[in-house]
Amino acid sequence: MSWFILFIAGLLEVVWAIGLKYTHGFSRPGPSVVTITAMIISILLLAWAMKTLPAGTAYAVWTGIGAVGAATAGILLLGESASLARIASLACIVVGIIGLKLSSH
């Protein structure tokens, strides 16, 4: 269950990372509320997952999901570069996340 909670926390990290773009420096109330809410829930879920998962593993997986998700959302939603080097780098992060999951106790 902790891995599922951690995954949801990582997805919410993507929401707030992309949400920051839409807040325009927290000057837009709607996106700002969504972003701040996602931040709070993401951190709370990360803390909950860390009750049973190793801190280093949980944090690395959380940030990895956030990084891959935010970069992917940037490509799909914001027209950011989808170069081969960028895709390969994201794949390396995914392999690292999988490796951390498989090697955790």
PDB file of N, CA and C in Angstrom:
ATOM      1  N   MET A   1       0.814  -1.193   0.000  1.00  0.00           N
ATOM      2  CA  MET A   1       0.000   0.000   0.000  1.00  0.00           C
ATOM      3  C   MET A   1       0.864   1.268   0.000  1.00  0.00           C
ATOM      4  N   SER A   2       2.010   1.213   0.674  1.00  0.00           N
ATOM      5  CA  SER A   2       2.891   2.376   0.738  1.00  0.00           C
ATOM      6  C   SER A   2       3.401   2.779  -0.640  1.00  0.00           C
ATOM      7  N   TRP A   3       3.657   1.795  -1.494  1.00  0.00           N
ATOM      8  CA  TRP A   3       4.131   2.110  -2.846  1.00  0.00           C
ATOM      9  C   TRP A   3       3.043   2.803  -3.657  1.00  0.00           C
ATOM     10  N   PHE A   4       1.795   2.376  -3.478  1.00  0.00           N
ATOM     11  CA  PHE A   4       0.684   3.018  -4.175  1.00  0.00           C
ATOM     12  C   PHE A   4       0.531   4.462  -3.696  1.00  0.00           C
ATOM     13  N   ILE A   5       0.606   4.674  -2.397  1.00  0.00           N
ATOM     14  CA  ILE A   5       0.514   6.025  -1.828  1.00  0.00           C
ATOM     15  C   ILE A   5       1.658   6.896  -2.347  1.00  0.00           C
ATOM     16  N   LEU A   6       2.843   6.316  -2.399  1.00  0.00           N
ATOM     17  CA  LEU A   6       3.998   7.046  -2.918  1.00  0.00           C
ATOM     18  C   LEU A   6       3.797   7.419  -4.387  1.00  0.00           C
ATOM     19  N   PHE A   7       3.226   6.516  -5.168  1.00  0.00           N
ATOM     20  CA  PHE A   7       2.954   6.793  -6.575  1.00  0.00           C
ATOM     21  C   PHE A   7       1.977   7.964  -6.714  1.00  0.00           C
ATOM     22  N   ILE A   8       0.930   7.967  -5.920  1.00  0.00           N
ATOM     23  CA  ILE A   8      -0.042   9.063  -5.951  1.00  0.00           C
ATOM     24  C   ILE A   8       0.635  10.376  -5.534  1.00  0.00           C
ATOM     25  N   ALA A   9       1.483  10.308  -4.516  1.00  0.00           N
ATOM     26  CA  ALA A   9       2.226  11.494  -4.084  1.00  0.00           C
ATOM     27  C   ALA A   9       3.090  12.027  -5.229  1.00  0.00           C
ATOM     28  N   GLY A  10       3.718  11.120  -5.973  1.00  0.00           N
ATOM     29  CA  GLY A  10       4.532  11.524  -7.119  1.00  0.00           C
ATOM     30  C   GLY A  10       3.701  12.162  -8.216  1.00  0.00           C
ATOM     31  N   LEU A  11       2.524  11.622  -8.475  1.00  0.00           N
ATOM     32  CA  LEU A  11       1.636  12.221  -9.479  1.00  0.00           C
ATOM     33  C   LEU A  11       1.201  13.618  -9.055  1.00  0.00           C
ATOM     34  N   LEU A  12       0.944  13.792  -7.766  1.00  0.00           N
ATOM     35  CA  LEU A  12       0.579  15.121  -7.277  1.00  0.00           C
ATOM     36  C   LEU A  12       1.761  16.084  -7.359  1.00  0.00           C
ATOM     37  N   GLU A  13       2.959  15.556  -7.277  1.00  0.00           N
ATOM     38  CA  GLU A  13       4.129  16.417  -7.485  1.00  0.00           C
ATOM     39  C   GLU A  13       4.150  16.935  -8.911  1.00  0.00           C
ATOM     40  N   VAL A  14       3.755  16.100  -9.851  1.00  0.00           N
ATOM     41  CA  VAL A  14       3.655  16.539 -11.248  1.00  0.00           C
ATOM     42  C   VAL A  14       2.611  17.653 -11.363  1.00  0.00           C
ATOM     43  N   VAL A  15       1.478  17.461 -10.711  1.00  0.00           N
ATOM     44  CA  VAL A  15       0.409  18.470 -10.757  1.00  0.00           C
ATOM     45  C   VAL A  15       0.929  19.816 -10.264  1.00  0.00           C
ATOM     46  N   TRP A  16       1.620  19.811  -9.126  1.00  0.00           N
ATOM     47  CA  TRP A  16       2.046  21.114  -8.623  1.00  0.00           C
ATOM     48  C   TRP A  16       3.241  21.684  -9.395  1.00  0.00           C
ATOM     49  N   ALA A  17       4.083  20.820  -9.924  1.00  0.00           N
ATOM     50  CA  ALA A  17       5.204  21.333 -10.719  1.00  0.00           C
ATOM     51  C   ALA A  17       4.695  22.032 -11.980  1.00  0.00           C
ATOM     52  N   ILE A  18       3.759  21.403 -12.660  1.00  0.00           N
ATOM     53  CA  ILE A  18       3.182  22.021 -13.855  1.00  0.00           C
ATOM     54  C   ILE A  18       2.279  23.182 -13.448  1.00  0.00           C
ATOM     55  N   GLY A  19       1.569  23.021 -12.327  1.00  0.00           N
ATOM     56  CA  GLY A  19       0.702  24.086 -11.838  1.00  0.00           C
ATOM     57  C   GLY A  19       1.443  25.385 -11.586  1.00  0.00           C
ATOM     58  N   LEU A  20       2.684  25.293 -11.150  1.00  0.00           N
ATOM     59  CA  LEU A  20       3.475  26.501 -10.916  1.00  0.00           C
ATOM     60  C   LEU A  20       3.556  27.369 -12.170  1.00  0.00           C
ATOM     61  N   LYS A  21       3.632  26.734 -13.322  1.00  0.00           N
ATOM     62  CA  LYS A  21       3.699  27.462 -14.588  1.00  0.00           C
ATOM     63  C   LYS A  21       2.435  28.298 -14.791  1.00  0.00           C
ATOM     64  N   TYR A  22       1.297  27.717 -14.404  1.00  0.00           N
ATOM     65  CA  TYR A  22       0.013  28.371 -14.637  1.00  0.00           C
ATOM     66  C   TYR A  22      -0.366  29.383 -13.561  1.00  0.00           C
ATOM     67  N   THR A  23       0.341  29.409 -12.438  1.00  0.00           N
ATOM     68  CA  THR A  23       0.022  30.375 -11.383  1.00  0.00           C
ATOM     69  C   THR A  23       0.515  31.776 -11.729  1.00  0.00           C
ATOM     70  N   HIS A  24       1.478  31.857 -12.644  1.00  0.00           N
ATOM     71  CA  HIS A  24       2.107  33.149 -12.989  1.00  0.00           C
ATOM     72  C   HIS A  24       2.597  33.847 -11.726  1.00  0.00           C
ATOM     73  N   GLY A  25       3.438  33.129 -10.982  1.00  0.00           N
ATOM     74  CA  GLY A  25       4.007  33.688  -9.748  1.00  0.00           C
ATOM     75  C   GLY A  25       2.973  33.830  -8.641  1.00  0.00           C
ATOM     76  N   PHE A  26       2.014  32.928  -8.614  1.00  0.00           N
ATOM     77  CA  PHE A  26       0.921  32.922  -7.636  1.00  0.00           C
ATOM     78  C   PHE A  26       0.047  34.172  -7.741  1.00  0.00           C
ATOM     79  N   SER A  27      -0.030  34.733  -8.933  1.00  0.00           N
ATOM     80  CA  SER A  27      -0.895  35.899  -9.142  1.00  0.00           C
ATOM     81  C   SER A  27      -2.275  35.504  -9.675  1.00  0.00           C
ATOM     82  N   ARG A  28      -2.457  34.230 -10.030  1.00  0.00           N
ATOM     83  CA  ARG A  28      -3.743  33.738 -10.512  1.00  0.00           C
ATOM     84  C   ARG A  28      -4.331  32.815  -9.445  1.00  0.00           C
ATOM     85  N   PRO A  29      -5.460  33.211  -8.840  1.00  0.00           N
ATOM     86  CA  PRO A  29      -6.002  32.475  -7.689  1.00  0.00           C
ATOM     87  C   PRO A  29      -6.359  31.012  -7.971  1.00  0.00           C
ATOM     88  N   GLY A  30      -7.055  30.716  -9.044  1.00  0.00           N
ATOM     89  CA  GLY A  30      -7.475  29.337  -9.313  1.00  0.00           C
ATOM     90  C   GLY A  30      -6.310  28.366  -9.403  1.00  0.00           C
ATOM     91  N   PRO A  31      -5.392  28.602 -10.341  1.00  0.00           N
ATOM     92  CA  PRO A  31      -4.236  27.706 -10.427  1.00  0.00           C
ATOM     93  C   PRO A  31      -3.389  27.695  -9.158  1.00  0.00           C
ATOM     94  N   SER A  32      -3.350  28.810  -8.451  1.00  0.00           N
ATOM     95  CA  SER A  32      -2.565  28.871  -7.215  1.00  0.00           C
ATOM     96  C   SER A  32      -3.148  27.955  -6.146  1.00  0.00           C
ATOM     97  N   VAL A  33      -4.472  27.948  -6.007  1.00  0.00           N
ATOM     98  CA  VAL A  33      -5.125  27.082  -5.018  1.00  0.00           C
ATOM     99  C   VAL A  33      -4.894  25.615  -5.368  1.00  0.00           C
ATOM    100  N   VAL A  34      -5.051  25.267  -6.653  1.00  0.00           N
ATOM    101  CA  VAL A  34      -4.825  23.876  -7.084  1.00  0.00           C
ATOM    102  C   VAL A  34      -3.383  23.476  -6.805  1.00  0.00           C
ATOM    103  N   THR A  35      -2.443  24.347  -7.130  1.00  0.00           N
ATOM    104  CA  THR A  35      -1.023  24.051  -6.954  1.00  0.00           C
ATOM    105  C   THR A  35      -0.669  23.876  -5.485  1.00  0.00           C
ATOM    106  N   ILE A  36      -1.101  24.792  -4.648  1.00  0.00           N
ATOM    107  CA  ILE A  36      -0.790  24.708  -3.219  1.00  0.00           C
ATOM    108  C   ILE A  36      -1.436  23.475  -2.589  1.00  0.00           C
ATOM    109  N   THR A  37      -2.665  23.179  -2.980  1.00  0.00           N
ATOM    110  CA  THR A  37      -3.348  21.988  -2.458  1.00  0.00           C
ATOM    111  C   THR A  37      -2.597  20.720  -2.865  1.00  0.00           C
ATOM    112  N   ALA A  38      -2.181  20.647  -4.134  1.00  0.00           N
ATOM    113  CA  ALA A  38      -1.418  19.484  -4.596  1.00  0.00           C
ATOM    114  C   ALA A  38      -0.098  19.364  -3.843  1.00  0.00           C
ATOM    115  N   MET A  39       0.548  20.497  -3.558  1.00  0.00           N
ATOM    116  CA  MET A  39       1.803  20.480  -2.796  1.00  0.00           C
ATOM    117  C   MET A  39       1.594  19.859  -1.418  1.00  0.00           C
ATOM    118  N   ILE A  40       0.574  20.343  -0.731  1.00  0.00           N
ATOM    119  CA  ILE A  40       0.327  19.881   0.635  1.00  0.00           C
ATOM    120  C   ILE A  40      -0.012  18.390   0.658  1.00  0.00           C
ATOM    121  N   ILE A  41      -0.921  17.980  -0.214  1.00  0.00           N
ATOM    122  CA  ILE A  41      -1.317  16.568  -0.225  1.00  0.00           C
ATOM    123  C   ILE A  41      -0.151  15.678  -0.641  1.00  0.00           C
ATOM    124  N   SER A  42       0.638  16.138  -1.607  1.00  0.00           N
ATOM    125  CA  SER A  42       1.793  15.357  -2.057  1.00  0.00           C
ATOM    126  C   SER A  42       2.780  15.115  -0.920  1.00  0.00           C
ATOM    127  N   ILE A  43       3.080  16.161  -0.168  1.00  0.00           N
ATOM    128  CA  ILE A  43       4.016  16.035   0.959  1.00  0.00           C
ATOM    129  C   ILE A  43       3.439  15.132   2.051  1.00  0.00           C
ATOM    130  N   LEU A  44       2.148  15.283   2.329  1.00  0.00           N
ATOM    131  CA  LEU A  44       1.523  14.442   3.355  1.00  0.00           C
ATOM    132  C   LEU A  44       1.549  12.969   2.950  1.00  0.00           C
ATOM    133  N   LEU A  45       1.269  12.686   1.691  1.00  0.00           N
ATOM    134  CA  LEU A  45       1.316  11.295   1.220  1.00  0.00           C
ATOM    135  C   LEU A  45       2.741  10.753   1.235  1.00  0.00           C
ATOM    136  N   LEU A  46       3.711  11.592   0.873  1.00  0.00           N
ATOM    137  CA  LEU A  46       5.114  11.169   0.950  1.00  0.00           C
ATOM    138  C   LEU A  46       5.462  10.803   2.391  1.00  0.00           C
ATOM    139  N   ALA A  47       5.067  11.642   3.323  1.00  0.00           N
ATOM    140  CA  ALA A  47       5.346  11.364   4.739  1.00  0.00           C
ATOM    141  C   ALA A  47       4.677  10.069   5.190  1.00  0.00           C
ATOM    142  N   TRP A  48       3.465   9.831   4.733  1.00  0.00           N
ATOM    143  CA  TRP A  48       2.743   8.613   5.086  1.00  0.00           C
ATOM    144  C   TRP A  48       3.470   7.391   4.532  1.00  0.00           C
ATOM    145  N   ALA A  49       3.904   7.472   3.269  1.00  0.00           N
ATOM    146  CA  ALA A  49       4.631   6.350   2.662  1.00  0.00           C
ATOM    147  C   ALA A  49       5.941   6.081   3.396  1.00  0.00           C
ATOM    148  N   MET A  50       6.566   7.138   3.909  1.00  0.00           N
ATOM    149  CA  MET A  50       7.842   6.980   4.602  1.00  0.00           C
ATOM    150  C   MET A  50       7.711   6.297   5.958  1.00  0.00           C
ATOM    151  N   LYS A  51       6.491   6.095   6.419  1.00  0.00           N
ATOM    152  CA  LYS A  51       6.312   5.344   7.665  1.00  0.00           C
ATOM    153  C   LYS A  51       6.857   3.926   7.517  1.00  0.00           C
ATOM    154  N   THR A  52       6.737   3.362   6.305  1.00  0.00           N
ATOM    155  CA  THR A  52       7.168   1.974   6.108  1.00  0.00           C
ATOM    156  C   THR A  52       8.254   1.815   5.052  1.00  0.00           C
ATOM    157  N   LEU A  53       8.465   2.814   4.218  1.00  0.00           N
ATOM    158  CA  LEU A  53       9.510   2.721   3.193  1.00  0.00           C
ATOM    159  C   LEU A  53      10.758   3.457   3.657  1.00  0.00           C
ATOM    160  N   PRO A  54      11.933   3.017   3.218  1.00  0.00           N
ATOM    161  CA  PRO A  54      13.159   3.743   3.561  1.00  0.00           C
ATOM    162  C   PRO A  54      13.089   5.182   3.041  1.00  0.00           C
ATOM    163  N   ALA A  55      13.531   6.128   3.836  1.00  0.00           N
ATOM    164  CA  ALA A  55      13.425   7.545   3.492  1.00  0.00           C
ATOM    165  C   ALA A  55      14.114   7.877   2.175  1.00  0.00           C
ATOM    166  N   GLY A  56      15.334   7.403   2.010  1.00  0.00           N
ATOM    167  CA  GLY A  56      16.076   7.707   0.788  1.00  0.00           C
ATOM    168  C   GLY A  56      15.409   7.150  -0.455  1.00  0.00           C
ATOM    169  N   THR A  57      14.918   5.942  -0.350  1.00  0.00           N
ATOM    170  CA  THR A  57      14.223   5.308  -1.477  1.00  0.00           C
ATOM    171  C   THR A  57      12.936   6.042  -1.788  1.00  0.00           C
ATOM    172  N   ALA A  58      12.133   6.301  -0.773  1.00  0.00           N
ATOM    173  CA  ALA A  58      10.852   6.971  -0.982  1.00  0.00           C
ATOM    174  C   ALA A  58      11.050   8.352  -1.595  1.00  0.00           C
ATOM    175  N   TYR A  59      11.997   9.109  -1.070  1.00  0.00           N
ATOM    176  CA  TYR A  59      12.227  10.456  -1.588  1.00  0.00           C
ATOM    177  C   TYR A  59      12.728  10.412  -3.028  1.00  0.00           C
ATOM    178  N   ALA A  60      13.643   9.510  -3.320  1.00  0.00           N
ATOM    179  CA  ALA A  60      14.177   9.402  -4.677  1.00  0.00           C
ATOM    180  C   ALA A  60      13.094   8.993  -5.675  1.00  0.00           C
ATOM    181  N   VAL A  61      12.249   8.051  -5.286  1.00  0.00           N
ATOM    182  CA  VAL A  61      11.164   7.623  -6.165  1.00  0.00           C
ATOM    183  C   VAL A  61      10.172   8.759  -6.361  1.00  0.00           C
ATOM    184  N   TRP A  62       9.825   9.463  -5.301  1.00  0.00           N
ATOM    185  CA  TRP A  62       8.893  10.588  -5.367  1.00  0.00           C
ATOM    186  C   TRP A  62       9.408  11.675  -6.316  1.00  0.00           C
ATOM    187  N   THR A  63      10.670  12.052  -6.143  1.00  0.00           N
ATOM    188  CA  THR A  63      11.222  13.081  -7.019  1.00  0.00           C
ATOM    189  C   THR A  63      11.387  12.566  -8.445  1.00  0.00           C
ATOM    190  N   GLY A  64      11.696  11.280  -8.593  1.00  0.00           N
ATOM    191  CA  GLY A  64      11.825  10.703  -9.933  1.00  0.00           C
ATOM    192  C   GLY A  64      10.506  10.711 -10.678  1.00  0.00           C
ATOM    193  N   ILE A  65       9.433  10.312  -9.997  1.00  0.00           N
ATOM    194  CA  ILE A  65       8.107  10.350 -10.620  1.00  0.00           C
ATOM    195  C   ILE A  65       7.766  11.789 -10.994  1.00  0.00           C
ATOM    196  N   GLY A  66       8.049  12.701 -10.088  1.00  0.00           N
ATOM    197  CA  GLY A  66       7.778  14.112 -10.359  1.00  0.00           C
ATOM    198  C   GLY A  66       8.578  14.650 -11.527  1.00  0.00           C
ATOM    199  N   ALA A  67       9.852  14.297 -11.583  1.00  0.00           N
ATOM    200  CA  ALA A  67      10.712  14.787 -12.662  1.00  0.00           C
ATOM    201  C   ALA A  67      10.284  14.231 -14.017  1.00  0.00           C
ATOM    202  N   VAL A  68      10.074  12.933 -14.079  1.00  0.00           N
ATOM    203  CA  VAL A  68       9.658  12.312 -15.343  1.00  0.00           C
ATOM    204  C   VAL A  68       8.279  12.820 -15.746  1.00  0.00           C
ATOM    205  N   GLY A  69       7.375  12.889 -14.792  1.00  0.00           N
ATOM    206  CA  GLY A  69       6.023  13.360 -15.091  1.00  0.00           C
ATOM    207  C   GLY A  69       5.994  14.809 -15.536  1.00  0.00           C
ATOM    208  N   ALA A  70       6.744  15.667 -14.844  1.00  0.00           N
ATOM    209  CA  ALA A  70       6.771  17.084 -15.211  1.00  0.00           C
ATOM    210  C   ALA A  70       7.410  17.282 -16.579  1.00  0.00           C
ATOM    211  N   ALA A  71       8.473  16.568 -16.859  1.00  0.00           N
ATOM    212  CA  ALA A  71       9.121  16.687 -18.169  1.00  0.00           C
ATOM    213  C   ALA A  71       8.205  16.178 -19.278  1.00  0.00           C
ATOM    214  N   THR A  72       7.518  15.073 -19.017  1.00  0.00           N
ATOM    215  CA  THR A  72       6.580  14.525 -19.995  1.00  0.00           C
ATOM    216  C   THR A  72       5.411  15.482 -20.224  1.00  0.00           C
ATOM    217  N   ALA A  73       4.875  16.023 -19.135  1.00  0.00           N
ATOM    218  CA  ALA A  73       3.784  16.991 -19.260  1.00  0.00           C
ATOM    219  C   ALA A  73       4.262  18.246 -19.995  1.00  0.00           C
ATOM    220  N   GLY A  74       5.495  18.642 -19.750  1.00  0.00           N
ATOM    221  CA  GLY A  74       6.051  19.788 -20.463  1.00  0.00           C
ATOM    222  C   GLY A  74       6.106  19.544 -21.965  1.00  0.00           C
ATOM    223  N   ILE A  75       6.477  18.342 -22.338  1.00  0.00           N
ATOM    224  CA  ILE A  75       6.520  17.979 -23.763  1.00  0.00           C
ATOM    225  C   ILE A  75       5.106  17.969 -24.342  1.00  0.00           C
ATOM    226  N   LEU A  76       4.184  17.311 -23.637  1.00  0.00           N
ATOM    227  CA  LEU A  76       2.830  17.126 -24.165  1.00  0.00           C
ATOM    228  C   LEU A  76       1.960  18.376 -24.073  1.00  0.00           C
ATOM    229  N   LEU A  77       2.102  19.150 -23.003  1.00  0.00           N
ATOM    230  CA  LEU A  77       1.218  20.289 -22.780  1.00  0.00           C
ATOM    231  C   LEU A  77       1.820  21.644 -23.118  1.00  0.00           C
ATOM    232  N   LEU A  78       3.128  21.743 -22.983  1.00  0.00           N
ATOM    233  CA  LEU A  78       3.767  23.052 -23.107  1.00  0.00           C
ATOM    234  C   LEU A  78       4.662  23.188 -24.326  1.00  0.00           C
ATOM    235  N   GLY A  79       4.698  22.152 -25.150  1.00  0.00           N
ATOM    236  CA  GLY A  79       5.487  22.223 -26.374  1.00  0.00           C
ATOM    237  C   GLY A  79       6.992  22.221 -26.164  1.00  0.00           C
ATOM    238  N   GLU A  80       7.438  21.656 -25.051  1.00  0.00           N
ATOM    239  CA  GLU A  80       8.879  21.589 -24.793  1.00  0.00           C
ATOM    240  C   GLU A  80       9.526  20.534 -25.681  1.00  0.00           C
ATOM    241  N   SER A  81      10.808  20.602 -25.804  1.00  0.00           N
ATOM    242  CA  SER A  81      11.565  19.709 -26.678  1.00  0.00           C
ATOM    243  C   SER A  81      11.371  18.236 -26.320  1.00  0.00           C
ATOM    244  N   ALA A  82      11.244  17.425 -27.362  1.00  0.00           N
ATOM    245  CA  ALA A  82      11.159  15.969 -27.183  1.00  0.00           C
ATOM    246  C   ALA A  82      12.341  15.318 -27.897  1.00  0.00           C
ATOM    247  N   SER A  83      13.516  15.886 -27.707  1.00  0.00           N
ATOM    248  CA  SER A  83      14.707  15.379 -28.379  1.00  0.00           C
ATOM    249  C   SER A  83      15.045  13.968 -27.894  1.00  0.00           C
ATOM    250  N   LEU A  84      15.796  13.277 -28.712  1.00  0.00           N
ATOM    251  CA  LEU A  84      16.219  11.922 -28.360  1.00  0.00           C
ATOM    252  C   LEU A  84      17.005  11.911 -27.052  1.00  0.00           C
ATOM    253  N   ALA A  85      17.877  12.877 -26.864  1.00  0.00           N
ATOM    254  CA  ALA A  85      18.673  12.935 -25.630  1.00  0.00           C
ATOM    255  C   ALA A  85      17.774  13.134 -24.411  1.00  0.00           C
ATOM    256  N   ARG A  86      16.757  13.954 -24.548  1.00  0.00           N
ATOM    257  CA  ARG A  86      15.842  14.198 -23.431  1.00  0.00           C
ATOM    258  C   ARG A  86      15.045  12.939 -23.098  1.00  0.00           C
ATOM    259  N   ILE A  87      14.525  12.275 -24.119  1.00  0.00           N
ATOM    260  CA  ILE A  87      13.761  11.045 -23.910  1.00  0.00           C
ATOM    261  C   ILE A  87      14.654   9.963 -23.293  1.00  0.00           C
ATOM    262  N   ALA A  88      15.868   9.845 -23.781  1.00  0.00           N
ATOM    263  CA  ALA A  88      16.802   8.846 -23.237  1.00  0.00           C
ATOM    264  C   ALA A  88      17.121   9.147 -21.771  1.00  0.00           C
ATOM    265  N   SER A  89      17.273  10.406 -21.444  1.00  0.00           N
ATOM    266  CA  SER A  89      17.554  10.787 -20.064  1.00  0.00           C
ATOM    267  C   SER A  89      16.377  10.461 -19.151  1.00  0.00           C
ATOM    268  N   LEU A  90      15.174  10.724 -19.630  1.00  0.00           N
ATOM    269  CA  LEU A  90      13.979  10.370 -18.846  1.00  0.00           C
ATOM    270  C   LEU A  90      13.884   8.859 -18.660  1.00  0.00           C
ATOM    271  N   ALA A  91      14.242   8.108 -19.693  1.00  0.00           N
ATOM    272  CA  ALA A  91      14.230   6.644 -19.585  1.00  0.00           C
ATOM    273  C   ALA A  91      15.217   6.174 -18.513  1.00  0.00           C
ATOM    274  N   CYS A  92      16.349   6.838 -18.413  1.00  0.00           N
ATOM    275  CA  CYS A  92      17.324   6.481 -17.373  1.00  0.00           C
ATOM    276  C   CYS A  92      16.742   6.705 -15.979  1.00  0.00           C
ATOM    277  N   ILE A  93      15.998   7.790 -15.813  1.00  0.00           N
ATOM    278  CA  ILE A  93      15.369   8.045 -14.514  1.00  0.00           C
ATOM    279  C   ILE A  93      14.354   6.951 -14.204  1.00  0.00           C
ATOM    280  N   VAL A  94      13.559   6.557 -15.205  1.00  0.00           N
ATOM    281  CA  VAL A  94      12.567   5.499 -15.003  1.00  0.00           C
ATOM    282  C   VAL A  94      13.254   4.196 -14.607  1.00  0.00           C
ATOM    283  N   VAL A  95      14.351   3.861 -15.264  1.00  0.00           N
ATOM    284  CA  VAL A  95      15.100   2.651 -14.907  1.00  0.00           C
ATOM    285  C   VAL A  95      15.591   2.749 -13.461  1.00  0.00           C
ATOM    286  N   GLY A  96      16.040   3.916 -13.052  1.00  0.00           N
ATOM    287  CA  GLY A  96      16.480   4.107 -11.671  1.00  0.00           C
ATOM    288  C   GLY A  96      15.348   3.924 -10.677  1.00  0.00           C
ATOM    289  N   ILE A  97      14.175   4.451 -11.004  1.00  0.00           N
ATOM    290  CA  ILE A  97      13.016   4.294 -10.124  1.00  0.00           C
ATOM    291  C   ILE A  97      12.664   2.808  -9.986  1.00  0.00           C
ATOM    292  N   ILE A  98      12.642   2.114 -11.101  1.00  0.00           N
ATOM    293  CA  ILE A  98      12.333   0.674 -11.080  1.00  0.00           C
ATOM    294  C   ILE A  98      13.384  -0.070 -10.253  1.00  0.00           C
ATOM    295  N   GLY A  99      14.655   0.288 -10.439  1.00  0.00           N
ATOM    296  CA  GLY A  99      15.724  -0.355  -9.679  1.00  0.00           C
ATOM    297  C   GLY A  99      15.568  -0.119  -8.177  1.00  0.00           C
ATOM    298  N   LEU A 100      15.205   1.093  -7.781  1.00  0.00           N
ATOM    299  CA  LEU A 100      14.990   1.361  -6.361  1.00  0.00           C
ATOM    300  C   LEU A 100      13.827   0.552  -5.814  1.00  0.00           C
ATOM    301  N   LYS A 101      12.763   0.437  -6.586  1.00  0.00           N
ATOM    302  CA  LYS A 101      11.602  -0.353  -6.150  1.00  0.00           C
ATOM    303  C   LYS A 101      11.979  -1.817  -5.987  1.00  0.00           C
ATOM    304  N   LEU A 102      12.695  -2.354  -6.971  1.00  0.00           N
ATOM    305  CA  LEU A 102      13.050  -3.780  -6.925  1.00  0.00           C
ATOM    306  C   LEU A 102      14.059  -4.096  -5.825  1.00  0.00           C
ATOM    307  N   SER A 103      14.881  -3.114  -5.475  1.00  0.00           N
ATOM    308  CA  SER A 103      15.930  -3.387  -4.489  1.00  0.00           C
ATOM    309  C   SER A 103      15.532  -3.027  -3.064  1.00  0.00           C
ATOM    310  N   SER A 104      14.327  -2.466  -2.875  1.00  0.00           N
ATOM    311  CA  SER A 104      13.929  -2.105  -1.510  1.00  0.00           C
ATOM    312  C   SER A 104      13.455  -3.351  -0.766  1.00  0.00           C
ATOM    313  N   HIS A 105      13.575  -3.293   0.515  1.00  0.00           N
ATOM    314  CA  HIS A 105      13.216  -4.452   1.349  1.00  0.00           C
ATOM    315  C   HIS A 105      11.761  -4.430   1.658  1.00  0.00           C
TER     316      HIS A 105
END
